Full PDB file with SEQRES, HELIX, SHEET, SSBOND, CRYST1, ORIGX, SCALE, CONECT and MASTER records, all heavy atoms in Angstrom:
SEQRES   1 A   39  GLN PHE TYR ILE ALA VAL ALA PRO ILE GLY GLY THR ALA          
SEQRES   2 A   39  ASN ALA TYR ASP PHE PHE VAL GLN MET LEU ALA LEU PRO          
SEQRES   3 A   39  VAL ILE LEU ALA CYS PHE LEU GLY TRP LYS ILE TRP HIS          
HELIX    1 AA1 PHE A    2  VAL A    6  1                                   5    
HELIX    2 AA2 ALA A   15  GLN A   21  1                                   7    
HELIX    3 AA3 ALA A   24  TRP A   38  1                                  15    
CRYST1    1.000    1.000    1.000  90.00  90.00  90.00 P 1           1          
ORIGX1      1.000000  0.000000  0.000000        0.00000                         
ORIGX2      0.000000  1.000000  0.000000        0.00000                         
ORIGX3      0.000000  0.000000  1.000000        0.00000                         
SCALE1      1.000000  0.000000  0.000000        0.00000                         
SCALE2      0.000000  1.000000  0.000000        0.00000                         
SCALE3      0.000000  0.000000  1.000000        0.00000                         
ATOM      1  N   GLN A   1     138.088  73.803  15.300  1.00  0.00           N  
ATOM      2  CA  GLN A   1     139.503  73.927  15.660  1.00  0.00           C  
ATOM      3  C   GLN A   1     140.215  74.886  14.703  1.00  0.00           C  
ATOM      4  O   GLN A   1     141.042  75.695  15.119  1.00  0.00           O  
ATOM      5  CB  GLN A   1     140.167  72.548  15.629  1.00  0.00           C  
ATOM      6  CG  GLN A   1     141.546  72.536  16.203  1.00  0.00           C  
ATOM      7  CD  GLN A   1     141.552  72.841  17.689  1.00  0.00           C  
ATOM      8  OE1 GLN A   1     140.646  72.449  18.408  1.00  0.00           O  
ATOM      9  NE2 GLN A   1     142.554  73.548  18.136  1.00  0.00           N  
ATOM     10  N   PHE A   2     139.882  74.805  13.425  1.00  0.00           N  
ATOM     11  CA  PHE A   2     140.469  75.718  12.444  1.00  0.00           C  
ATOM     12  C   PHE A   2     140.068  77.158  12.743  1.00  0.00           C  
ATOM     13  O   PHE A   2     140.895  78.074  12.691  1.00  0.00           O  
ATOM     14  CB  PHE A   2     140.032  75.319  11.032  1.00  0.00           C  
ATOM     15  CG  PHE A   2     140.570  76.216   9.967  1.00  0.00           C  
ATOM     16  CD1 PHE A   2     141.888  76.104   9.551  1.00  0.00           C  
ATOM     17  CD2 PHE A   2     139.770  77.188   9.386  1.00  0.00           C  
ATOM     18  CE1 PHE A   2     142.388  76.945   8.567  1.00  0.00           C  
ATOM     19  CE2 PHE A   2     140.261  78.035   8.412  1.00  0.00           C  
ATOM     20  CZ  PHE A   2     141.578  77.907   8.000  1.00  0.00           C  
ATOM     21  N   TYR A   3     138.792  77.361  13.069  1.00  0.00           N  
ATOM     22  CA  TYR A   3     138.309  78.706  13.368  1.00  0.00           C  
ATOM     23  C   TYR A   3     139.037  79.286  14.584  1.00  0.00           C  
ATOM     24  O   TYR A   3     139.458  80.444  14.572  1.00  0.00           O  
ATOM     25  CB  TYR A   3     136.797  78.683  13.608  1.00  0.00           C  
ATOM     26  CG  TYR A   3     136.234  80.026  13.965  1.00  0.00           C  
ATOM     27  CD1 TYR A   3     136.074  81.009  12.992  1.00  0.00           C  
ATOM     28  CD2 TYR A   3     135.890  80.332  15.274  1.00  0.00           C  
ATOM     29  CE1 TYR A   3     135.560  82.249  13.319  1.00  0.00           C  
ATOM     30  CE2 TYR A   3     135.388  81.570  15.611  1.00  0.00           C  
ATOM     31  CZ  TYR A   3     135.225  82.527  14.631  1.00  0.00           C  
ATOM     32  OH  TYR A   3     134.726  83.762  14.958  1.00  0.00           O  
ATOM     33  N   ILE A   4     139.183  78.473  15.626  1.00  0.00           N  
ATOM     34  CA  ILE A   4     139.887  78.939  16.830  1.00  0.00           C  
ATOM     35  C   ILE A   4     141.360  79.200  16.526  1.00  0.00           C  
ATOM     36  O   ILE A   4     141.970  80.118  17.074  1.00  0.00           O  
ATOM     37  CB  ILE A   4     139.745  77.909  17.968  1.00  0.00           C  
ATOM     38  CG1 ILE A   4     138.289  77.803  18.404  1.00  0.00           C  
ATOM     39  CG2 ILE A   4     140.624  78.239  19.146  1.00  0.00           C  
ATOM     40  CD1 ILE A   4     137.714  79.073  18.991  1.00  0.00           C  
ATOM     41  N   ALA A   5     141.939  78.411  15.634  1.00  0.00           N  
ATOM     42  CA  ALA A   5     143.346  78.622  15.279  1.00  0.00           C  
ATOM     43  C   ALA A   5     143.531  79.910  14.476  1.00  0.00           C  
ATOM     44  O   ALA A   5     144.531  80.608  14.626  1.00  0.00           O  
ATOM     45  CB  ALA A   5     143.868  77.431  14.485  1.00  0.00           C  
ATOM     46  N   VAL A   6     142.554  80.237  13.631  1.00  0.00           N  
ATOM     47  CA  VAL A   6     142.651  81.441  12.801  1.00  0.00           C  
ATOM     48  C   VAL A   6     142.295  82.692  13.597  1.00  0.00           C  
ATOM     49  O   VAL A   6     142.951  83.726  13.457  1.00  0.00           O  
ATOM     50  CB  VAL A   6     141.731  81.307  11.555  1.00  0.00           C  
ATOM     51  CG1 VAL A   6     141.610  82.616  10.811  1.00  0.00           C  
ATOM     52  CG2 VAL A   6     142.260  80.236  10.630  1.00  0.00           C  
ATOM     53  N   ALA A   7     141.264  82.599  14.413  1.00  0.00           N  
ATOM     54  CA  ALA A   7     140.798  83.763  15.184  1.00  0.00           C  
ATOM     55  C   ALA A   7     140.671  83.369  16.656  1.00  0.00           C  
ATOM     56  O   ALA A   7     139.579  83.077  17.133  1.00  0.00           O  
ATOM     57  CB  ALA A   7     139.466  84.254  14.646  1.00  0.00           C  
ATOM     58  N   PRO A   8     141.797  83.307  17.388  1.00  0.00           N  
ATOM     59  CA  PRO A   8     141.730  82.882  18.788  1.00  0.00           C  
ATOM     60  C   PRO A   8     140.908  83.838  19.640  1.00  0.00           C  
ATOM     61  O   PRO A   8     140.924  85.047  19.434  1.00  0.00           O  
ATOM     62  CB  PRO A   8     143.195  82.856  19.228  1.00  0.00           C  
ATOM     63  CG  PRO A   8     143.949  83.609  18.216  1.00  0.00           C  
ATOM     64  CD  PRO A   8     143.141  83.651  16.972  1.00  0.00           C  
ATOM     65  N   ILE A   9     140.220  83.272  20.598  1.00  0.00           N  
ATOM     66  CA  ILE A   9     139.376  84.064  21.491  1.00  0.00           C  
ATOM     67  C   ILE A   9     140.271  84.810  22.477  1.00  0.00           C  
ATOM     68  O   ILE A   9     141.079  84.215  23.180  1.00  0.00           O  
ATOM     69  CB  ILE A   9     138.388  83.156  22.246  1.00  0.00           C  
ATOM     70  CG1 ILE A   9     137.476  82.461  21.245  1.00  0.00           C  
ATOM     71  CG2 ILE A   9     137.586  83.952  23.267  1.00  0.00           C  
ATOM     72  CD1 ILE A   9     136.608  81.383  21.838  1.00  0.00           C  
ATOM     73  N   GLY A  10     140.142  86.108  22.511  1.00  0.00           N  
ATOM     74  CA  GLY A  10     140.911  86.920  23.451  1.00  0.00           C  
ATOM     75  C   GLY A  10     142.390  87.010  23.141  1.00  0.00           C  
ATOM     76  O   GLY A  10     143.195  87.289  24.021  1.00  0.00           O  
ATOM     77  N   GLY A  11     142.778  86.773  21.925  1.00  0.00           N  
ATOM     78  CA  GLY A  11     144.191  86.848  21.569  1.00  0.00           C  
ATOM     79  C   GLY A  11     144.370  87.267  20.124  1.00  0.00           C  
ATOM     80  O   GLY A  11     143.413  87.529  19.408  1.00  0.00           O  
ATOM     81  N   THR A  12     145.605  87.314  19.717  1.00  0.00           N  
ATOM     82  CA  THR A  12     145.901  87.655  18.330  1.00  0.00           C  
ATOM     83  C   THR A  12     146.418  86.421  17.610  1.00  0.00           C  
ATOM     84  O   THR A  12     147.082  85.570  18.201  1.00  0.00           O  
ATOM     85  CB  THR A  12     146.970  88.769  18.254  1.00  0.00           C  
ATOM     86  OG1 THR A  12     148.138  88.317  18.920  1.00  0.00           O  
ATOM     87  CG2 THR A  12     146.472  90.039  18.905  1.00  0.00           C  
ATOM     88  N   ALA A  13     146.090  86.339  16.358  1.00  0.00           N  
ATOM     89  CA  ALA A  13     146.502  85.180  15.566  1.00  0.00           C  
ATOM     90  C   ALA A  13     147.957  85.318  15.151  1.00  0.00           C  
ATOM     91  O   ALA A  13     148.416  86.397  14.778  1.00  0.00           O  
ATOM     92  CB  ALA A  13     145.619  85.063  14.332  1.00  0.00           C  
ATOM     93  N   ASN A  14     148.696  84.231  15.265  1.00  0.00           N  
ATOM     94  CA  ASN A  14     150.051  84.185  14.725  1.00  0.00           C  
ATOM     95  C   ASN A  14     150.307  82.782  14.182  1.00  0.00           C  
ATOM     96  O   ASN A  14     149.578  81.838  14.481  1.00  0.00           O  
ATOM     97  CB  ASN A  14     151.098  84.603  15.767  1.00  0.00           C  
ATOM     98  CG  ASN A  14     151.106  83.708  16.979  1.00  0.00           C  
ATOM     99  OD1 ASN A  14     151.031  82.503  16.857  1.00  0.00           O  
ATOM    100  ND2 ASN A  14     151.191  84.318  18.150  1.00  0.00           N  
ATOM    101  N   ALA A  15     151.314  82.640  13.373  1.00  0.00           N  
ATOM    102  CA  ALA A  15     151.578  81.387  12.670  1.00  0.00           C  
ATOM    103  C   ALA A  15     151.904  80.250  13.640  1.00  0.00           C  
ATOM    104  O   ALA A  15     151.431  79.120  13.460  1.00  0.00           O  
ATOM    105  CB  ALA A  15     152.719  81.574  11.676  1.00  0.00           C  
ATOM    106  N   TYR A  16     152.692  80.522  14.683  1.00  0.00           N  
ATOM    107  CA  TYR A  16     153.072  79.472  15.629  1.00  0.00           C  
ATOM    108  C   TYR A  16     151.838  78.870  16.298  1.00  0.00           C  
ATOM    109  O   TYR A  16     151.676  77.644  16.329  1.00  0.00           O  
ATOM    110  CB  TYR A  16     154.031  80.025  16.686  1.00  0.00           C  
ATOM    111  CG  TYR A  16     154.381  79.007  17.734  1.00  0.00           C  
ATOM    112  CD1 TYR A  16     155.314  78.012  17.471  1.00  0.00           C  
ATOM    113  CD2 TYR A  16     153.762  79.018  18.985  1.00  0.00           C  
ATOM    114  CE1 TYR A  16     155.622  77.064  18.422  1.00  0.00           C  
ATOM    115  CE2 TYR A  16     154.054  78.072  19.939  1.00  0.00           C  
ATOM    116  CZ  TYR A  16     154.997  77.092  19.659  1.00  0.00           C  
ATOM    117  OH  TYR A  16     155.288  76.149  20.600  1.00  0.00           O  
ATOM    118  N   ASP A  17     150.963  79.718  16.822  1.00  0.00           N  
ATOM    119  CA  ASP A  17     149.764  79.222  17.498  1.00  0.00           C  
ATOM    120  C   ASP A  17     148.834  78.494  16.528  1.00  0.00           C  
ATOM    121  O   ASP A  17     148.188  77.512  16.891  1.00  0.00           O  
ATOM    122  CB  ASP A  17     149.013  80.363  18.179  1.00  0.00           C  
ATOM    123  CG  ASP A  17     149.755  80.892  19.393  1.00  0.00           C  
ATOM    124  OD1 ASP A  17     150.584  80.146  19.956  1.00  0.00           O  
ATOM    125  OD2 ASP A  17     149.507  82.061  19.773  1.00  0.00           O  
ATOM    126  N   PHE A  18     148.768  78.973  15.280  1.00  0.00           N  
ATOM    127  CA  PHE A  18     147.954  78.296  14.284  1.00  0.00           C  
ATOM    128  C   PHE A  18     148.427  76.860  14.083  1.00  0.00           C  
ATOM    129  O   PHE A  18     147.636  75.915  14.109  1.00  0.00           O  
ATOM    130  CB  PHE A  18     147.973  79.043  12.949  1.00  0.00           C  
ATOM    131  CG  PHE A  18     147.268  78.315  11.849  1.00  0.00           C  
ATOM    132  CD1 PHE A  18     145.888  78.389  11.747  1.00  0.00           C  
ATOM    133  CD2 PHE A  18     147.968  77.546  10.941  1.00  0.00           C  
ATOM    134  CE1 PHE A  18     145.213  77.708  10.735  1.00  0.00           C  
ATOM    135  CE2 PHE A  18     147.310  76.866   9.931  1.00  0.00           C  
ATOM    136  CZ  PHE A  18     145.932  76.947   9.836  1.00  0.00           C  
ATOM    137  N   PHE A  19     149.733  76.680  13.884  1.00  0.00           N  
ATOM    138  CA  PHE A  19     150.250  75.332  13.635  1.00  0.00           C  
ATOM    139  C   PHE A  19     150.170  74.451  14.872  1.00  0.00           C  
ATOM    140  O   PHE A  19     149.959  73.246  14.760  1.00  0.00           O  
ATOM    141  CB  PHE A  19     151.674  75.399  13.082  1.00  0.00           C  
ATOM    142  CG  PHE A  19     151.703  75.847  11.654  1.00  0.00           C  
ATOM    143  CD1 PHE A  19     152.177  77.103  11.321  1.00  0.00           C  
ATOM    144  CD2 PHE A  19     151.228  75.031  10.643  1.00  0.00           C  
ATOM    145  CE1 PHE A  19     152.188  77.530  10.006  1.00  0.00           C  
ATOM    146  CE2 PHE A  19     151.234  75.446   9.324  1.00  0.00           C  
ATOM    147  CZ  PHE A  19     151.713  76.698   9.001  1.00  0.00           C  
ATOM    148  N   VAL A  20     150.295  75.027  16.053  1.00  0.00           N  
ATOM    149  CA  VAL A  20     150.136  74.241  17.276  1.00  0.00           C  
ATOM    150  C   VAL A  20     148.682  73.781  17.414  1.00  0.00           C  
ATOM    151  O   VAL A  20     148.405  72.626  17.752  1.00  0.00           O  
ATOM    152  CB  VAL A  20     150.576  75.049  18.519  1.00  0.00           C  
ATOM    153  CG1 VAL A  20     150.138  74.377  19.796  1.00  0.00           C  
ATOM    154  CG2 VAL A  20     152.084  75.242  18.509  1.00  0.00           C  
ATOM    155  N   GLN A  21     147.738  74.676  17.127  1.00  0.00           N  
ATOM    156  CA  GLN A  21     146.323  74.335  17.232  1.00  0.00           C  
ATOM    157  C   GLN A  21     145.896  73.303  16.185  1.00  0.00           C  
ATOM    158  O   GLN A  21     145.049  72.455  16.454  1.00  0.00           O  
ATOM    159  CB  GLN A  21     145.457  75.591  17.085  1.00  0.00           C  
ATOM    160  CG  GLN A  21     145.597  76.575  18.200  1.00  0.00           C  
ATOM    161  CD  GLN A  21     145.004  76.054  19.492  1.00  0.00           C  
ATOM    162  OE1 GLN A  21     144.037  75.306  19.473  1.00  0.00           O  
ATOM    163  NE2 GLN A  21     145.584  76.440  20.596  1.00  0.00           N  
ATOM    164  N   MET A  22     146.464  73.377  15.003  1.00  0.00           N  
ATOM    165  CA  MET A  22     146.065  72.492  13.912  1.00  0.00           C  
ATOM    166  C   MET A  22     146.968  71.273  13.774  1.00  0.00           C  
ATOM    167  O   MET A  22     146.890  70.549  12.788  1.00  0.00           O  
ATOM    168  CB  MET A  22     146.043  73.265  12.589  1.00  0.00           C  
ATOM    169  CG  MET A  22     144.948  74.301  12.488  1.00  0.00           C  
ATOM    170  SD  MET A  22     143.292  73.630  12.735  1.00  0.00           S  
ATOM    171  CE  MET A  22     143.129  72.569  11.328  1.00  0.00           C  
ATOM    172  N   LEU A  23     147.790  70.984  14.754  1.00  0.00           N  
ATOM    173  CA  LEU A  23     148.741  69.875  14.672  1.00  0.00           C  
ATOM    174  C   LEU A  23     148.047  68.515  14.592  1.00  0.00           C  
ATOM    175  O   LEU A  23     148.558  67.586  13.981  1.00  0.00           O  
ATOM    176  CB  LEU A  23     149.687  69.908  15.871  1.00  0.00           C  
ATOM    177  CG  LEU A  23     150.823  68.903  15.871  1.00  0.00           C  
ATOM    178  CD1 LEU A  23     151.698  69.123  14.642  1.00  0.00           C  
ATOM    179  CD2 LEU A  23     151.646  69.037  17.132  1.00  0.00           C  
ATOM    180  N   ALA A  24     146.883  68.382  15.175  1.00  0.00           N  
ATOM    181  CA  ALA A  24     146.192  67.087  15.193  1.00  0.00           C  
ATOM    182  C   ALA A  24     145.849  66.604  13.787  1.00  0.00           C  
ATOM    183  O   ALA A  24     145.957  65.408  13.505  1.00  0.00           O  
ATOM    184  CB  ALA A  24     144.932  67.174  16.037  1.00  0.00           C  
ATOM    185  N   LEU A  25     145.457  67.493  12.898  1.00  0.00           N  
ATOM    186  CA  LEU A  25     145.045  67.085  11.557  1.00  0.00           C  
ATOM    187  C   LEU A  25     146.188  66.422  10.781  1.00  0.00           C  
ATOM    188  O   LEU A  25     146.011  65.305  10.279  1.00  0.00           O  
ATOM    189  CB  LEU A  25     144.462  68.276  10.791  1.00  0.00           C  
ATOM    190  CG  LEU A  25     143.850  67.972   9.445  1.00  0.00           C  
ATOM    191  CD1 LEU A  25     142.691  66.989   9.582  1.00  0.00           C  
ATOM    192  CD2 LEU A  25     143.375  69.244   8.782  1.00  0.00           C  
ATOM    193  N   PRO A  26     147.376  67.030  10.674  1.00  0.00           N  
ATOM    194  CA  PRO A  26     148.441  66.335   9.950  1.00  0.00           C  
ATOM    195  C   PRO A  26     148.928  65.074  10.674  1.00  0.00           C  
ATOM    196  O   PRO A  26     149.354  64.121  10.018  1.00  0.00           O  
ATOM    197  CB  PRO A  26     149.558  67.368   9.818  1.00  0.00           C  
ATOM    198  CG  PRO A  26     149.225  68.459  10.739  1.00  0.00           C  
ATOM    199  CD  PRO A  26     147.764  68.398  11.004  1.00  0.00           C  
ATOM    200  N   VAL A  27     148.838  65.043  11.988  1.00  0.00           N  
ATOM    201  CA  VAL A  27     149.247  63.834  12.714  1.00  0.00           C  
ATOM    202  C   VAL A  27     148.302  62.684  12.382  1.00  0.00           C  
ATOM    203  O   VAL A  27     148.742  61.554  12.131  1.00  0.00           O  
ATOM    204  CB  VAL A  27     149.291  64.097  14.239  1.00  0.00           C  
ATOM    205  CG1 VAL A  27     149.407  62.811  15.016  1.00  0.00           C  
ATOM    206  CG2 VAL A  27     150.440  65.027  14.575  1.00  0.00           C  
ATOM    207  N   ILE A  28     147.005  62.951  12.359  1.00  0.00           N  
ATOM    208  CA  ILE A  28     146.033  61.910  12.008  1.00  0.00           C  
ATOM    209  C   ILE A  28     146.250  61.435  10.576  1.00  0.00           C  
ATOM    210  O   ILE A  28     146.259  60.234  10.298  1.00  0.00           O  
ATOM    211  CB  ILE A  28     144.597  62.431  12.202  1.00  0.00           C  
ATOM    212  CG1 ILE A  28     144.313  62.600  13.686  1.00  0.00           C  
ATOM    213  CG2 ILE A  28     143.576  61.502  11.562  1.00  0.00           C  
ATOM    214  CD1 ILE A  28     143.030  63.326  13.985  1.00  0.00           C  
ATOM    215  N   LEU A  29     146.430  62.367   9.659  1.00  0.00           N  
ATOM    216  CA  LEU A  29     146.677  61.994   8.259  1.00  0.00           C  
ATOM    217  C   LEU A  29     147.973  61.211   8.105  1.00  0.00           C  
ATOM    218  O   LEU A  29     148.038  60.228   7.354  1.00  0.00           O  
ATOM    219  CB  LEU A  29     146.690  63.241   7.377  1.00  0.00           C  
ATOM    220  CG  LEU A  29     145.347  63.950   7.207  1.00  0.00           C  
ATOM    221  CD1 LEU A  29     145.517  65.238   6.421  1.00  0.00           C  
ATOM    222  CD2 LEU A  29     144.335  63.032   6.551  1.00  0.00           C  
ATOM    223  N   ALA A  30     149.021  61.615   8.825  1.00  0.00           N  
ATOM    224  CA  ALA A  30     150.298  60.911   8.750  1.00  0.00           C  
ATOM    225  C   ALA A  30     150.174  59.492   9.304  1.00  0.00           C  
ATOM    226  O   ALA A  30     150.732  58.543   8.726  1.00  0.00           O  
ATOM    227  CB  ALA A  30     151.373  61.685   9.507  1.00  0.00           C  
ATOM    228  N   CYS A  31     149.454  59.327  10.390  1.00  0.00           N  
ATOM    229  CA  CYS A  31     149.246  57.981  10.952  1.00  0.00           C  
ATOM    230  C   CYS A  31     148.466  57.108   9.985  1.00  0.00           C  
ATOM    231  O   CYS A  31     148.818  55.940   9.765  1.00  0.00           O  
ATOM    232  CB  CYS A  31     148.534  58.065  12.293  1.00  0.00           C  
ATOM    233  SG  CYS A  31     149.534  58.719  13.624  1.00  0.00           S  
ATOM    234  N   PHE A  32     147.416  57.653   9.384  1.00  0.00           N  
ATOM    235  CA  PHE A  32     146.605  56.880   8.437  1.00  0.00           C  
ATOM    236  C   PHE A  32     147.429  56.479   7.215  1.00  0.00           C  
ATOM    237  O   PHE A  32     147.467  55.305   6.832  1.00  0.00           O  
ATOM    238  CB  PHE A  32     145.386  57.697   8.016  1.00  0.00           C  
ATOM    239  CG  PHE A  32     144.551  57.024   6.969  1.00  0.00           C  
ATOM    240  CD1 PHE A  32     143.756  55.945   7.293  1.00  0.00           C  
ATOM    241  CD2 PHE A  32     144.570  57.478   5.657  1.00  0.00           C  
ATOM    242  CE1 PHE A  32     142.984  55.316   6.328  1.00  0.00           C  
ATOM    243  CE2 PHE A  32     143.811  56.864   4.692  1.00  0.00           C  
ATOM    244  CZ  PHE A  32     143.013  55.786   5.023  1.00  0.00           C  
ATOM    245  N   LEU A  33     148.099  57.454   6.608  1.00  0.00           N  
ATOM    246  CA  LEU A  33     148.898  57.145   5.419  1.00  0.00           C  
ATOM    247  C   LEU A  33     150.094  56.262   5.762  1.00  0.00           C  
ATOM    248  O   LEU A  33     150.466  55.385   4.978  1.00  0.00           O  
ATOM    249  CB  LEU A  33     149.354  58.445   4.750  1.00  0.00           C  
ATOM    250  CG  LEU A  33     148.215  59.271   4.137  1.00  0.00           C  
ATOM    251  CD1 LEU A  33     148.753  60.599   3.619  1.00  0.00           C  
ATOM    252  CD2 LEU A  33     147.517  58.506   3.044  1.00  0.00           C  
ATOM    253  N   GLY A  34     150.689  56.471   6.932  1.00  0.00           N  
ATOM    254  CA  GLY A  34     151.789  55.620   7.368  1.00  0.00           C  
ATOM    255  C   GLY A  34     151.355  54.171   7.494  1.00  0.00           C  
ATOM    256  O   GLY A  34     152.086  53.255   7.089  1.00  0.00           O  
ATOM    257  N   TRP A  35     150.181  53.944   8.054  1.00  0.00           N  
ATOM    258  CA  TRP A  35     149.646  52.585   8.168  1.00  0.00           C  
ATOM    259  C   TRP A  35     149.439  51.969   6.787  1.00  0.00           C  
ATOM    260  O   TRP A  35     149.791  50.813   6.557  1.00  0.00           O  
ATOM    261  CB  TRP A  35     148.326  52.618   8.933  1.00  0.00           C  
ATOM    262  CG  TRP A  35     147.668  51.277   8.986  1.00  0.00           C  
ATOM    263  CD1 TRP A  35     146.766  50.759   8.110  1.00  0.00           C  
ATOM    264  CD2 TRP A  35     147.885  50.268   9.969  1.00  0.00           C  
ATOM    265  NE1 TRP A  35     146.394  49.504   8.493  1.00  0.00           N  
ATOM    266  CE2 TRP A  35     147.067  49.164   9.636  1.00  0.00           C  
ATOM    267  CE3 TRP A  35     148.675  50.187  11.107  1.00  0.00           C  
ATOM    268  CZ2 TRP A  35     147.028  48.012  10.388  1.00  0.00           C  
ATOM    269  CZ3 TRP A  35     148.620  49.031  11.863  1.00  0.00           C  
ATOM    270  CH2 TRP A  35     147.808  47.959  11.498  1.00  0.00           C  
ATOM    271  N   LYS A  36     148.847  52.746   5.881  1.00  0.00           N  
ATOM    272  CA  LYS A  36     148.583  52.232   4.538  1.00  0.00           C  
ATOM    273  C   LYS A  36     149.890  51.875   3.818  1.00  0.00           C  
ATOM    274  O   LYS A  36     149.964  50.853   3.137  1.00  0.00           O  
ATOM    275  CB  LYS A  36     147.813  53.260   3.706  1.00  0.00           C  
ATOM    276  CG  LYS A  36     146.428  53.594   4.205  1.00  0.00           C  
ATOM    277  CD  LYS A  36     145.511  52.430   4.194  1.00  0.00           C  
ATOM    278  CE  LYS A  36     144.647  52.376   2.985  1.00  0.00           C  
ATOM    279  NZ  LYS A  36     143.751  51.212   3.005  1.00  0.00           N  
ATOM    280  N   ILE A  37     150.911  52.705   3.986  1.00  0.00           N  
ATOM    281  CA  ILE A  37     152.193  52.455   3.311  1.00  0.00           C  
ATOM    282  C   ILE A  37     152.936  51.307   3.982  1.00  0.00           C  
ATOM    283  O   ILE A  37     153.460  50.416   3.315  1.00  0.00           O  
ATOM    284  CB  ILE A  37     153.035  53.743   3.291  1.00  0.00           C  
ATOM    285  CG1 ILE A  37     152.369  54.779   2.374  1.00  0.00           C  
ATOM    286  CG2 ILE A  37     154.460  53.458   2.848  1.00  0.00           C  
ATOM    287  CD1 ILE A  37     152.939  56.173   2.492  1.00  0.00           C  
ATOM    288  N   TRP A  38     152.995  51.315   5.310  1.00  0.00           N  
ATOM    289  CA  TRP A  38     153.761  50.304   6.048  1.00  0.00           C  
ATOM    290  C   TRP A  38     153.194  48.898   5.818  1.00  0.00           C  
ATOM    291  O   TRP A  38     153.937  47.951   5.600  1.00  0.00           O  
ATOM    292  CB  TRP A  38     153.754  50.634   7.535  1.00  0.00           C  
ATOM    293  CG  TRP A  38     154.551  49.667   8.355  1.00  0.00           C  
ATOM    294  CD1 TRP A  38     154.096  48.564   9.000  1.00  0.00           C  
ATOM    295  CD2 TRP A  38     155.949  49.725   8.610  1.00  0.00           C  
ATOM    296  NE1 TRP A  38     155.117  47.930   9.644  1.00  0.00           N  
ATOM    297  CE2 TRP A  38     156.283  48.626   9.416  1.00  0.00           C  
ATOM    298  CE3 TRP A  38     156.961  50.613   8.231  1.00  0.00           C  
ATOM    299  CZ2 TRP A  38     157.566  48.378   9.856  1.00  0.00           C  
ATOM    300  CZ3 TRP A  38     158.237  50.361   8.677  1.00  0.00           C  
ATOM    301  CH2 TRP A  38     158.532  49.265   9.474  1.00  0.00           C  
ATOM    302  N   HIS A  39     151.878  48.783   5.852  1.00  0.00           N  
ATOM    303  CA  HIS A  39     151.243  47.471   5.697  1.00  0.00           C  
ATOM    304  C   HIS A  39     150.854  47.173   4.253  1.00  0.00           C  
ATOM    305  O   HIS A  39     150.280  46.115   3.978  1.00  0.00           O  
ATOM    306  CB  HIS A  39     150.014  47.372   6.604  1.00  0.00           C  
ATOM    307  CG  HIS A  39     150.369  47.349   8.045  1.00  0.00           C  
ATOM    308  ND1 HIS A  39     150.827  46.228   8.680  1.00  0.00           N  
ATOM    309  CD2 HIS A  39     150.367  48.314   8.979  1.00  0.00           C  
ATOM    310  CE1 HIS A  39     151.077  46.497   9.944  1.00  0.00           C  
ATOM    311  NE2 HIS A  39     150.804  47.771  10.145  1.00  0.00           N  
TER     312      HIS A  39                                                      
MASTER        0    0    0    3    0    0    0    6  311    1    0    3          
END                                                                             
């Protein structure tokens, strides 16, 4: 996913598309840490 976000197939890389492609990673980390903090 990181590779596709950095070098998209048939397109040019830009910051917006990178963060959209890599959004799952911070969401997973936020959910995990949120659970640990909340409970």
